[in-house]
């Protein structure tokens, strides 16, 4: 199958691309002009991979990229807005997806795999989840056979999630926003790559939406302790920062890219990020349910 992959240079894309080629698919990577070098080393030892420069807001380049393809895996998304540069959740998630779907319909694409997010819903508190849900509706209403995946936080080599928390755990005191009892369901990038690739040819996945989580629901405090064990710390000393103290700081600092959290991310963290039916994914796909501790132990030092 010939597959157009958007977001190939991103963290998830770098995990899915080798899985696609290993399974014998030909892959066209839609890459923004100037970003080609990010894939050069990665594709040297892979199968049939080609690069098409363009972006989601250049319809001509989209149509050129989709031409001759059988399927699309759409991964492009942002977790942080940059309004001054025109980079917003609505623009990237909703408008970008609409443009790609329009090109897909013209090209007669037979399968559309959409990367959404766990927590996406119509009445979501965060604009991130609202726009992810709106993008899902565009895909569903397109008439193209689809599969939508809603992953929880994703971990794996060179991730931002576990590596950033590891930096905090290495501190003499690890800050915790609020109670730390809110739960997450970390899922390995390997698992994500497996289910996305299998969805291309698995008929049972057609016109279905799947939550994507790992085999464990862990509180934020448990996640920190797990990382501490992997790093060889006998105890992770934590200091809890009350929300009334943290929110004003985030209001001031979230505009700076170096600051690790935004109000949107805080909202999503506090409302938890767990699957309602986590087993359904593993019944539908031949995927690896990788535990968080064993997974991060392969790359955290």
C-alpha atoms as a PDB file:
ATOM      1  CA  UNK A   1       0.000   0.000   0.000  1.00  0.00           C
ATOM      2  CA  UNK A   2       1.217   3.508  -0.768  1.00  0.00           C
ATOM      3  CA  UNK A   3       0.738   5.714   2.302  1.00  0.00           C
ATOM      4  CA  UNK A   4       0.992   9.476   2.753  1.00  0.00           C
ATOM      5  CA  UNK A   5       2.395  10.217   6.211  1.00  0.00           C
ATOM      6  CA  UNK A   6       2.034  13.708   7.650  1.00  0.00           C
ATOM      7  CA  UNK A   7       4.066  14.655  10.699  1.00  0.00           C
ATOM      8  CA  UNK A   8       6.840  12.230   9.729  1.00  0.00           C
ATOM      9  CA  UNK A   9       9.536  14.375  11.374  1.00  0.00           C
ATOM     10  CA  UNK A  10       7.666  14.534  14.681  1.00  0.00           C
ATOM     11  CA  UNK A  11       8.188  12.232  17.627  1.00  0.00           C
ATOM     12  CA  UNK A  12       5.320   9.867  16.795  1.00  0.00           C
ATOM     13  CA  UNK A  13       6.052   9.991  13.076  1.00  0.00           C
ATOM     14  CA  UNK A  14       9.614   8.839  13.651  1.00  0.00           C
ATOM     15  CA  UNK A  15       8.202   5.760  15.343  1.00  0.00           C
ATOM     16  CA  UNK A  16       5.518   4.997  12.766  1.00  0.00           C
ATOM     17  CA  UNK A  17       7.667   5.477   9.654  1.00  0.00           C
ATOM     18  CA  UNK A  18       9.994   2.490  10.255  1.00  0.00           C
ATOM     19  CA  UNK A  19       7.007   0.320  11.188  1.00  0.00           C
ATOM     20  CA  UNK A  20       5.326   1.181   7.895  1.00  0.00           C
ATOM     21  CA  UNK A  21       8.369   0.293   5.815  1.00  0.00           C
ATOM     22  CA  UNK A  22       9.005  -2.871   7.837  1.00  0.00           C
ATOM     23  CA  UNK A  23       5.481  -3.981   6.974  1.00  0.00           C
ATOM     24  CA  UNK A  24       6.157  -3.448   3.268  1.00  0.00           C
ATOM     25  CA  UNK A  25       4.335  -0.174   2.641  1.00  0.00           C
ATOM     26  CA  UNK A  26       5.630   2.540   0.335  1.00  0.00           C
ATOM     27  CA  UNK A  27       5.600   5.850   2.194  1.00  0.00           C
ATOM     28  CA  UNK A  28       5.363   9.444   1.002  1.00  0.00           C
ATOM     29  CA  UNK A  29       6.342  11.888   3.755  1.00  0.00           C
ATOM     30  CA  UNK A  30       4.812  15.355   3.581  1.00  0.00           C
ATOM     31  CA  UNK A  31       7.595  17.651   4.813  1.00  0.00           C
ATOM     32  CA  UNK A  32       7.645  21.418   5.175  1.00  0.00           C
ATOM     33  CA  UNK A  33      10.262  23.066   2.925  1.00  0.00           C
ATOM     34  CA  UNK A  34      13.596  23.172   4.735  1.00  0.00           C
ATOM     35  CA  UNK A  35      12.841  20.183   6.964  1.00  0.00           C
ATOM     36  CA  UNK A  36      14.011  17.477   4.558  1.00  0.00           C
ATOM     37  CA  UNK A  37      17.305  16.984   6.400  1.00  0.00           C
ATOM     38  CA  UNK A  38      15.409  15.823   9.490  1.00  0.00           C
ATOM     39  CA  UNK A  39      14.522  12.625   7.648  1.00  0.00           C
ATOM     40  CA  UNK A  40      17.697  11.992   5.656  1.00  0.00           C
ATOM     41  CA  UNK A  41      19.532   9.865   8.224  1.00  0.00           C
ATOM     42  CA  UNK A  42      16.366   8.181   9.429  1.00  0.00           C
ATOM     43  CA  UNK A  43      15.365   6.741   6.059  1.00  0.00           C
ATOM     44  CA  UNK A  44      18.766   5.553   4.843  1.00  0.00           C
ATOM     45  CA  UNK A  45      18.142   1.933   5.836  1.00  0.00           C
ATOM     46  CA  UNK A  46      14.387   1.844   5.264  1.00  0.00           C
ATOM     47  CA  UNK A  47      12.350   0.602   2.344  1.00  0.00           C
ATOM     48  CA  UNK A  48      10.556   2.754  -0.203  1.00  0.00           C
ATOM     49  CA  UNK A  49      10.330   6.244   1.296  1.00  0.00           C
ATOM     50  CA  UNK A  50       9.934   9.443  -0.687  1.00  0.00           C
ATOM     51  CA  UNK A  51       9.612  13.064   0.365  1.00  0.00           C
ATOM     52  CA  UNK A  52       7.065  15.588  -0.853  1.00  0.00           C
ATOM     53  CA  UNK A  53       7.607  19.170   0.265  1.00  0.00           C
ATOM     54  CA  UNK A  54       4.530  21.194   1.169  1.00  0.00           C
ATOM     55  CA  UNK A  55       2.188  21.789   4.065  1.00  0.00           C
ATOM     56  CA  UNK A  56      -1.423  21.567   5.122  1.00  0.00           C
ATOM     57  CA  UNK A  57      -2.125  25.123   3.999  1.00  0.00           C
ATOM     58  CA  UNK A  58      -0.894  24.758   0.430  1.00  0.00           C
ATOM     59  CA  UNK A  59      -3.618  22.840  -1.382  1.00  0.00           C
ATOM     60  CA  UNK A  60      -1.546  22.367  -4.528  1.00  0.00           C
ATOM     61  CA  UNK A  61       1.263  20.672  -2.603  1.00  0.00           C
ATOM     62  CA  UNK A  62      -1.269  18.510  -0.734  1.00  0.00           C
ATOM     63  CA  UNK A  63      -2.834  17.286  -3.939  1.00  0.00           C
ATOM     64  CA  UNK A  64       0.608  16.493  -5.353  1.00  0.00           C
ATOM     65  CA  UNK A  65       1.529  14.540  -2.223  1.00  0.00           C
ATOM     66  CA  UNK A  66      -1.712  12.538  -2.165  1.00  0.00           C
ATOM     67  CA  UNK A  67      -1.623  11.656  -5.867  1.00  0.00           C
ATOM     68  CA  UNK A  68      -1.173   7.924  -6.341  1.00  0.00           C
ATOM     69  CA  UNK A  69      -1.548   7.108  -2.640  1.00  0.00           C
ATOM     70  CA  UNK A  70      -3.976   4.553  -1.249  1.00  0.00           C
ATOM     71  CA  UNK A  71      -4.111   5.766   2.349  1.00  0.00           C
ATOM     72  CA  UNK A  72      -3.232   8.650   4.658  1.00  0.00           C
ATOM     73  CA  UNK A  73      -1.896   8.635   8.202  1.00  0.00           C
ATOM     74  CA  UNK A  74      -2.416  12.117   9.584  1.00  0.00           C
ATOM     75  CA  UNK A  75      -0.303  12.922  12.649  1.00  0.00           C
ATOM     76  CA  UNK A  76       0.170  16.688  12.523  1.00  0.00           C
ATOM     77  CA  UNK A  77      -0.798  18.434  15.736  1.00  0.00           C
ATOM     78  CA  UNK A  78       0.486  20.919  18.289  1.00  0.00           C
ATOM     79  CA  UNK A  79       0.372  20.959  22.065  1.00  0.00           C
ATOM     80  CA  UNK A  80       1.284  24.625  22.401  1.00  0.00           C
ATOM     81  CA  UNK A  81      -0.138  27.577  20.488  1.00  0.00           C
ATOM     82  CA  UNK A  82       1.856  30.479  19.052  1.00  0.00           C
ATOM     83  CA  UNK A  83      -0.886  32.951  18.148  1.00  0.00           C
ATOM     84  CA  UNK A  84       1.506  35.688  17.009  1.00  0.00           C
ATOM     85  CA  UNK A  85       2.765  33.299  14.332  1.00  0.00           C
ATOM     86  CA  UNK A  86      -0.734  32.149  13.416  1.00  0.00           C
ATOM     87  CA  UNK A  87      -0.136  28.735  14.959  1.00  0.00           C
ATOM     88  CA  UNK A  88      -3.302  27.893  16.869  1.00  0.00           C
ATOM     89  CA  UNK A  89      -5.144  24.695  17.763  1.00  0.00           C
ATOM     90  CA  UNK A  90      -7.998  25.638  15.465  1.00  0.00           C
ATOM     91  CA  UNK A  91      -5.743  26.446  12.539  1.00  0.00           C
ATOM     92  CA  UNK A  92      -3.581  23.317  12.757  1.00  0.00           C
ATOM     93  CA  UNK A  93      -6.052  20.713  14.005  1.00  0.00           C
ATOM     94  CA  UNK A  94      -9.259  21.827  12.299  1.00  0.00           C
ATOM     95  CA  UNK A  95      -8.327  23.831   9.195  1.00  0.00           C
ATOM     96  CA  UNK A  96      -5.298  21.672   8.455  1.00  0.00           C
ATOM     97  CA  UNK A  97      -7.319  18.461   8.683  1.00  0.00           C
ATOM     98  CA  UNK A  98     -10.081  19.937   6.514  1.00  0.00           C
ATOM     99  CA  UNK A  99      -7.564  20.781   3.774  1.00  0.00           C
ATOM    100  CA  UNK A 100      -6.059  17.291   3.868  1.00  0.00           C
ATOM    101  CA  UNK A 101      -9.473  15.620   3.758  1.00  0.00           C
ATOM    102  CA  UNK A 102     -10.426  17.714   0.733  1.00  0.00           C
ATOM    103  CA  UNK A 103      -7.293  16.571  -1.087  1.00  0.00           C
ATOM    104  CA  UNK A 104      -7.930  12.968   0.004  1.00  0.00           C
ATOM    105  CA  UNK A 105     -11.467  12.988  -1.398  1.00  0.00           C
ATOM    106  CA  UNK A 106     -10.253  14.314  -4.754  1.00  0.00           C
ATOM    107  CA  UNK A 107      -7.587  11.599  -4.911  1.00  0.00           C
ATOM    108  CA  UNK A 108      -9.965   8.773  -4.019  1.00  0.00           C
ATOM    109  CA  UNK A 109      -8.092   7.774  -0.857  1.00  0.00           C
ATOM    110  CA  UNK A 110      -9.457   4.495   0.522  1.00  0.00           C
ATOM    111  CA  UNK A 111      -8.284   4.717   4.154  1.00  0.00           C
ATOM    112  CA  UNK A 112      -7.717   7.676   6.485  1.00  0.00           C
ATOM    113  CA  UNK A 113      -5.982   7.135   9.848  1.00  0.00           C
ATOM    114  CA  UNK A 114      -6.336  10.108  12.177  1.00  0.00           C
ATOM    115  CA  UNK A 115      -4.222  10.950  15.225  1.00  0.00           C
ATOM    116  CA  UNK A 116      -6.516  12.504  17.812  1.00  0.00           C
ATOM    117  CA  UNK A 117      -6.056  12.671  21.587  1.00  0.00           C
ATOM    118  CA  UNK A 118      -7.465  10.965  24.648  1.00  0.00           C
ATOM    119  CA  UNK A 119     -10.010  13.358  26.106  1.00  0.00           C
ATOM    120  CA  UNK A 120     -11.177  14.761  22.765  1.00  0.00           C
ATOM    121  CA  UNK A 121     -14.903  15.483  23.030  1.00  0.00           C
ATOM    122  CA  UNK A 122     -17.479  18.085  22.093  1.00  0.00           C
ATOM    123  CA  UNK A 123     -17.839  19.537  25.582  1.00  0.00           C
ATOM    124  CA  UNK A 124     -14.147  19.462  26.468  1.00  0.00           C
ATOM    125  CA  UNK A 125     -12.794  22.137  28.805  1.00  0.00           C
ATOM    126  CA  UNK A 126      -9.576  22.692  26.847  1.00  0.00           C
ATOM    127  CA  UNK A 127      -9.468  24.130  23.335  1.00  0.00           C
ATOM    128  CA  UNK A 128      -6.876  21.477  22.501  1.00  0.00           C
ATOM    129  CA  UNK A 129      -9.397  18.681  23.062  1.00  0.00           C
ATOM    130  CA  UNK A 130     -12.213  20.670  21.446  1.00  0.00           C
ATOM    131  CA  UNK A 131     -10.254  21.132  18.217  1.00  0.00           C
ATOM    132  CA  UNK A 132      -9.068  17.526  18.203  1.00  0.00           C
ATOM    133  CA  UNK A 133     -12.720  16.465  18.398  1.00  0.00           C
ATOM    134  CA  UNK A 134     -13.687  18.888  15.617  1.00  0.00           C
ATOM    135  CA  UNK A 135     -10.986  17.358  13.422  1.00  0.00           C
ATOM    136  CA  UNK A 136     -12.400  13.898  14.130  1.00  0.00           C
ATOM    137  CA  UNK A 137     -15.799  15.036  12.887  1.00  0.00           C
ATOM    138  CA  UNK A 138     -14.285  16.293   9.632  1.00  0.00           C
ATOM    139  CA  UNK A 139     -12.733  12.876   9.043  1.00  0.00           C
ATOM    140  CA  UNK A 140     -15.909  10.998   9.995  1.00  0.00           C
ATOM    141  CA  UNK A 141     -18.104  13.147   7.743  1.00  0.00           C
ATOM    142  CA  UNK A 142     -15.716  12.846   4.769  1.00  0.00           C
ATOM    143  CA  UNK A 143     -17.143   9.510   3.637  1.00  0.00           C
ATOM    144  CA  UNK A 144     -13.633   8.029   3.516  1.00  0.00           C
ATOM    145  CA  UNK A 145     -13.204   4.787   5.512  1.00  0.00           C
ATOM    146  CA  UNK A 146     -11.392   5.926   8.636  1.00  0.00           C
ATOM    147  CA  UNK A 147      -9.813   4.889  11.913  1.00  0.00           C
ATOM    148  CA  UNK A 148      -9.341   7.433  14.685  1.00  0.00           C
ATOM    149  CA  UNK A 149      -6.886   6.890  17.519  1.00  0.00           C
ATOM    150  CA  UNK A 150      -6.951   8.817  20.810  1.00  0.00           C
ATOM    151  CA  UNK A 151      -3.627   8.239  22.592  1.00  0.00           C
ATOM    152  CA  UNK A 152      -2.798   9.129  26.166  1.00  0.00           C
ATOM    153  CA  UNK A 153       0.715  10.472  26.841  1.00  0.00           C
ATOM    154  CA  UNK A 154       3.290   8.651  24.704  1.00  0.00           C
ATOM    155  CA  UNK A 155       6.680   7.529  25.955  1.00  0.00           C
ATOM    156  CA  UNK A 156       9.741   6.069  24.267  1.00  0.00           C
ATOM    157  CA  UNK A 157      13.349   6.881  23.347  1.00  0.00           C
ATOM    158  CA  UNK A 158      13.964  10.639  23.031  1.00  0.00           C
ATOM    159  CA  UNK A 159      10.475  11.511  24.265  1.00  0.00           C
ATOM    160  CA  UNK A 160       9.646  14.781  25.992  1.00  0.00           C
ATOM    161  CA  UNK A 161       7.343  13.243  28.589  1.00  0.00           C
ATOM    162  CA  UNK A 162       9.525  10.819  30.566  1.00  0.00           C
ATOM    163  CA  UNK A 163      12.765  12.658  29.865  1.00  0.00           C
ATOM    164  CA  UNK A 164      11.386  15.971  31.141  1.00  0.00           C
ATOM    165  CA  UNK A 165      10.038  14.315  34.285  1.00  0.00           C
ATOM    166  CA  UNK A 166      13.367  12.549  34.772  1.00  0.00           C
ATOM    167  CA  UNK A 167      15.072  15.952  34.880  1.00  0.00           C
ATOM    168  CA  UNK A 168      12.657  16.969  37.636  1.00  0.00           C
ATOM    169  CA  UNK A 169      13.206  13.730  39.542  1.00  0.00           C
ATOM    170  CA  UNK A 170      16.954  14.315  39.498  1.00  0.00           C
ATOM    171  CA  UNK A 171      16.461  17.547  41.456  1.00  0.00           C
ATOM    172  CA  UNK A 172      16.876  17.508  45.253  1.00  0.00           C
ATOM    173  CA  UNK A 173      13.148  18.333  45.466  1.00  0.00           C
ATOM    174  CA  UNK A 174      10.716  17.436  42.694  1.00  0.00           C
ATOM    175  CA  UNK A 175       7.847  19.933  42.278  1.00  0.00           C
ATOM    176  CA  UNK A 176       4.321  18.537  42.008  1.00  0.00           C
ATOM    177  CA  UNK A 177       1.432  20.720  40.888  1.00  0.00           C
ATOM    178  CA  UNK A 178      -1.566  20.213  43.157  1.00  0.00           C
ATOM    179  CA  UNK A 179      -2.195  16.840  44.760  1.00  0.00           C
ATOM    180  CA  UNK A 180      -0.415  14.685  42.180  1.00  0.00           C
ATOM    181  CA  UNK A 181      -3.179  12.084  42.436  1.00  0.00           C
ATOM    182  CA  UNK A 182      -4.503  12.737  38.909  1.00  0.00           C
ATOM    183  CA  UNK A 183      -4.041   9.698  36.676  1.00  0.00           C
ATOM    184  CA  UNK A 184      -2.438   9.133  33.287  1.00  0.00           C
ATOM    185  CA  UNK A 185      -2.201   6.008  31.141  1.00  0.00           C
ATOM    186  CA  UNK A 186       1.203   6.239  29.419  1.00  0.00           C
ATOM    187  CA  UNK A 187       1.470   4.268  26.193  1.00  0.00           C
ATOM    188  CA  UNK A 188       4.657   3.206  24.431  1.00  0.00           C
ATOM    189  CA  UNK A 189       5.427   4.720  21.032  1.00  0.00           C
ATOM    190  CA  UNK A 190       6.023   1.156  19.814  1.00  0.00           C
ATOM    191  CA  UNK A 191       2.404   0.290  20.606  1.00  0.00           C
ATOM    192  CA  UNK A 192       1.184   3.410  18.812  1.00  0.00           C
ATOM    193  CA  UNK A 193       3.245   2.542  15.723  1.00  0.00           C
ATOM    194  CA  UNK A 194       1.886  -0.995  15.664  1.00  0.00           C
ATOM    195  CA  UNK A 195      -1.803  -0.079  15.852  1.00  0.00           C
ATOM    196  CA  UNK A 196      -1.574   2.788  13.366  1.00  0.00           C
ATOM    197  CA  UNK A 197       0.122   0.535  10.826  1.00  0.00           C
ATOM    198  CA  UNK A 198      -2.232  -2.399  11.362  1.00  0.00           C
ATOM    199  CA  UNK A 199      -5.255  -0.116  10.953  1.00  0.00           C
ATOM    200  CA  UNK A 200      -4.369   0.349   7.290  1.00  0.00           C
ATOM    201  CA  UNK A 201      -5.382  -3.204   6.447  1.00  0.00           C
ATOM    202  CA  UNK A 202      -7.541  -4.399   9.352  1.00  0.00           C
ATOM    203  CA  UNK A 203     -11.196  -4.357   8.299  1.00  0.00           C
ATOM    204  CA  UNK A 204     -12.412  -4.504  11.893  1.00  0.00           C
ATOM    205  CA  UNK A 205     -10.807  -1.086  12.433  1.00  0.00           C
ATOM    206  CA  UNK A 206     -12.769   0.646   9.663  1.00  0.00           C
ATOM    207  CA  UNK A 207     -14.941   3.540  10.842  1.00  0.00           C
ATOM    208  CA  UNK A 208     -13.902   2.975  14.453  1.00  0.00           C
ATOM    209  CA  UNK A 209     -12.448   5.213  17.157  1.00  0.00           C
ATOM    210  CA  UNK A 210     -10.012   3.711  19.670  1.00  0.00           C
ATOM    211  CA  UNK A 211      -8.606   4.949  22.940  1.00  0.00           C
ATOM    212  CA  UNK A 212      -4.874   4.244  23.089  1.00  0.00           C
ATOM    213  CA  UNK A 213      -3.318   3.715  26.486  1.00  0.00           C
ATOM    214  CA  UNK A 214      -0.812   1.476  28.148  1.00  0.00           C
ATOM    215  CA  UNK A 215      -1.723  -1.411  30.490  1.00  0.00           C
ATOM    216  CA  UNK A 216      -1.585   0.765  33.636  1.00  0.00           C
ATOM    217  CA  UNK A 217      -3.365   3.789  35.026  1.00  0.00           C
ATOM    218  CA  UNK A 218      -0.811   5.634  37.151  1.00  0.00           C
ATOM    219  CA  UNK A 219      -1.088   8.730  39.283  1.00  0.00           C
ATOM    220  CA  UNK A 220       1.389  11.505  38.618  1.00  0.00           C
ATOM    221  CA  UNK A 221       3.022  10.673  41.955  1.00  0.00           C
ATOM    222  CA  UNK A 222       3.385   7.022  40.921  1.00  0.00           C
ATOM    223  CA  UNK A 223       4.917   8.068  37.621  1.00  0.00           C
ATOM    224  CA  UNK A 224       7.546  10.155  39.435  1.00  0.00           C
ATOM    225  CA  UNK A 225       8.331   7.264  41.794  1.00  0.00           C
ATOM    226  CA  UNK A 226       8.624   4.864  38.848  1.00  0.00           C
ATOM    227  CA  UNK A 227      11.077   7.167  37.114  1.00  0.00           C
ATOM    228  CA  UNK A 228      12.990   7.486  40.373  1.00  0.00           C
ATOM    229  CA  UNK A 229      13.378   3.701  40.630  1.00  0.00           C
ATOM    230  CA  UNK A 230      14.633   3.474  37.063  1.00  0.00           C
ATOM    231  CA  UNK A 231      17.171   6.233  37.803  1.00  0.00           C
ATOM    232  CA  UNK A 232      18.325   4.373  40.905  1.00  0.00           C
ATOM    233  CA  UNK A 233      16.921   6.783  43.473  1.00  0.00           C
ATOM    234  CA  UNK A 234      15.777   5.180  46.723  1.00  0.00           C
ATOM    235  CA  UNK A 235      13.236   7.970  47.259  1.00  0.00           C
ATOM    236  CA  UNK A 236      11.864  10.831  45.208  1.00  0.00           C
ATOM    237  CA  UNK A 237      11.514  13.803  47.519  1.00  0.00           C
ATOM    238  CA  UNK A 238       8.507  15.806  46.355  1.00  0.00           C
ATOM    239  CA  UNK A 239       7.239  19.266  47.184  1.00  0.00           C
ATOM    240  CA  UNK A 240       3.613  20.026  46.340  1.00  0.00           C
ATOM    241  CA  UNK A 241       2.873  23.423  44.825  1.00  0.00           C
ATOM    242  CA  UNK A 242      -0.729  24.527  45.500  1.00  0.00           C
ATOM    243  CA  UNK A 243      -2.758  25.419  42.421  1.00  0.00           C
ATOM    244  CA  UNK A 244      -3.542  28.977  43.647  1.00  0.00           C
ATOM    245  CA  UNK A 245       0.210  29.643  43.677  1.00  0.00           C
ATOM    246  CA  UNK A 246       0.974  27.922  40.384  1.00  0.00           C
ATOM    247  CA  UNK A 247      -1.719  29.382  38.160  1.00  0.00           C
ATOM    248  CA  UNK A 248      -0.523  33.029  38.344  1.00  0.00           C
ATOM    249  CA  UNK A 249       2.991  31.881  37.467  1.00  0.00           C
ATOM    250  CA  UNK A 250       1.719  29.986  34.428  1.00  0.00           C
ATOM    251  CA  UNK A 251      -0.350  32.993  33.350  1.00  0.00           C
ATOM    252  CA  UNK A 252       2.806  35.084  33.218  1.00  0.00           C
ATOM    253  CA  UNK A 253       5.234  32.492  31.858  1.00  0.00           C
ATOM    254  CA  UNK A 254       3.273  30.357  29.396  1.00  0.00           C
ATOM    255  CA  UNK A 255       4.112  32.696  26.531  1.00  0.00           C
ATOM    256  CA  UNK A 256       7.770  31.723  26.790  1.00  0.00           C
ATOM    257  CA  UNK A 257       8.651  28.521  24.931  1.00  0.00           C
ATOM    258  CA  UNK A 258      11.188  27.439  27.552  1.00  0.00           C
ATOM    259  CA  UNK A 259       8.525  27.307  30.280  1.00  0.00           C
ATOM    260  CA  UNK A 260       7.425  23.661  30.534  1.00  0.00           C
ATOM    261  CA  UNK A 261       3.653  24.029  30.973  1.00  0.00           C
ATOM    262  CA  UNK A 262       0.739  26.125  29.724  1.00  0.00           C
ATOM    263  CA  UNK A 263      -2.729  26.692  31.178  1.00  0.00           C
ATOM    264  CA  UNK A 264      -4.138  24.343  28.555  1.00  0.00           C
ATOM    265  CA  UNK A 265      -1.722  21.602  29.546  1.00  0.00           C
ATOM    266  CA  UNK A 266      -2.456  22.165  33.230  1.00  0.00           C
ATOM    267  CA  UNK A 267      -6.190  21.842  32.595  1.00  0.00           C
ATOM    268  CA  UNK A 268      -5.700  18.563  30.762  1.00  0.00           C
ATOM    269  CA  UNK A 269      -3.340  17.237  33.424  1.00  0.00           C
ATOM    270  CA  UNK A 270      -5.717  17.932  36.282  1.00  0.00           C
ATOM    271  CA  UNK A 271      -8.747  16.359  34.563  1.00  0.00           C
ATOM    272  CA  UNK A 272      -6.789  13.099  34.117  1.00  0.00           C
ATOM    273  CA  UNK A 273      -5.975  11.234  30.933  1.00  0.00           C
ATOM    274  CA  UNK A 274      -7.143   7.633  31.187  1.00  0.00           C
ATOM    275  CA  UNK A 275      -9.036   5.210  28.950  1.00  0.00           C
ATOM    276  CA  UNK A 276     -12.614   4.254  29.655  1.00  0.00           C
ATOM    277  CA  UNK A 277     -12.095   0.894  27.922  1.00  0.00           C
ATOM    278  CA  UNK A 278      -8.376   0.322  27.550  1.00  0.00           C
ATOM    279  CA  UNK A 279      -8.710  -3.391  26.718  1.00  0.00           C
ATOM    280  CA  UNK A 280     -10.651  -2.737  23.513  1.00  0.00           C
ATOM    281  CA  UNK A 281      -7.494  -1.645  21.673  1.00  0.00           C
ATOM    282  CA  UNK A 282      -5.592  -4.803  22.530  1.00  0.00           C
ATOM    283  CA  UNK A 283      -8.503  -7.003  21.485  1.00  0.00           C
ATOM    284  CA  UNK A 284      -8.703  -5.298  18.091  1.00  0.00           C
ATOM    285  CA  UNK A 285      -4.983  -5.190  17.293  1.00  0.00           C
ATOM    286  CA  UNK A 286      -1.897  -7.354  17.740  1.00  0.00           C
ATOM    287  CA  UNK A 287      -0.121  -4.740  19.844  1.00  0.00           C
ATOM    288  CA  UNK A 288       2.360  -4.847  22.683  1.00  0.00           C
ATOM    289  CA  UNK A 289       0.947  -3.743  26.091  1.00  0.00           C
ATOM    290  CA  UNK A 290       4.231  -2.329  27.387  1.00  0.00           C
ATOM    291  CA  UNK A 291       4.372  -1.388  31.058  1.00  0.00           C
ATOM    292  CA  UNK A 292       5.695   2.090  31.824  1.00  0.00           C
ATOM    293  CA  UNK A 293       8.559   1.003  34.076  1.00  0.00           C
ATOM    294  CA  UNK A 294       9.948  -1.667  31.770  1.00  0.00           C
ATOM    295  CA  UNK A 295       9.575   0.669  28.790  1.00  0.00           C
ATOM    296  CA  UNK A 296      11.442   3.659  30.224  1.00  0.00           C
ATOM    297  CA  UNK A 297      14.123   1.387  31.689  1.00  0.00           C
ATOM    298  CA  UNK A 298      15.365   0.794  28.123  1.00  0.00           C
ATOM    299  CA  UNK A 299      16.354   4.426  27.593  1.00  0.00           C
ATOM    300  CA  UNK A 300      16.397   6.465  30.826  1.00  0.00           C
ATOM    301  CA  UNK A 301      19.751   6.590  32.567  1.00  0.00           C
END
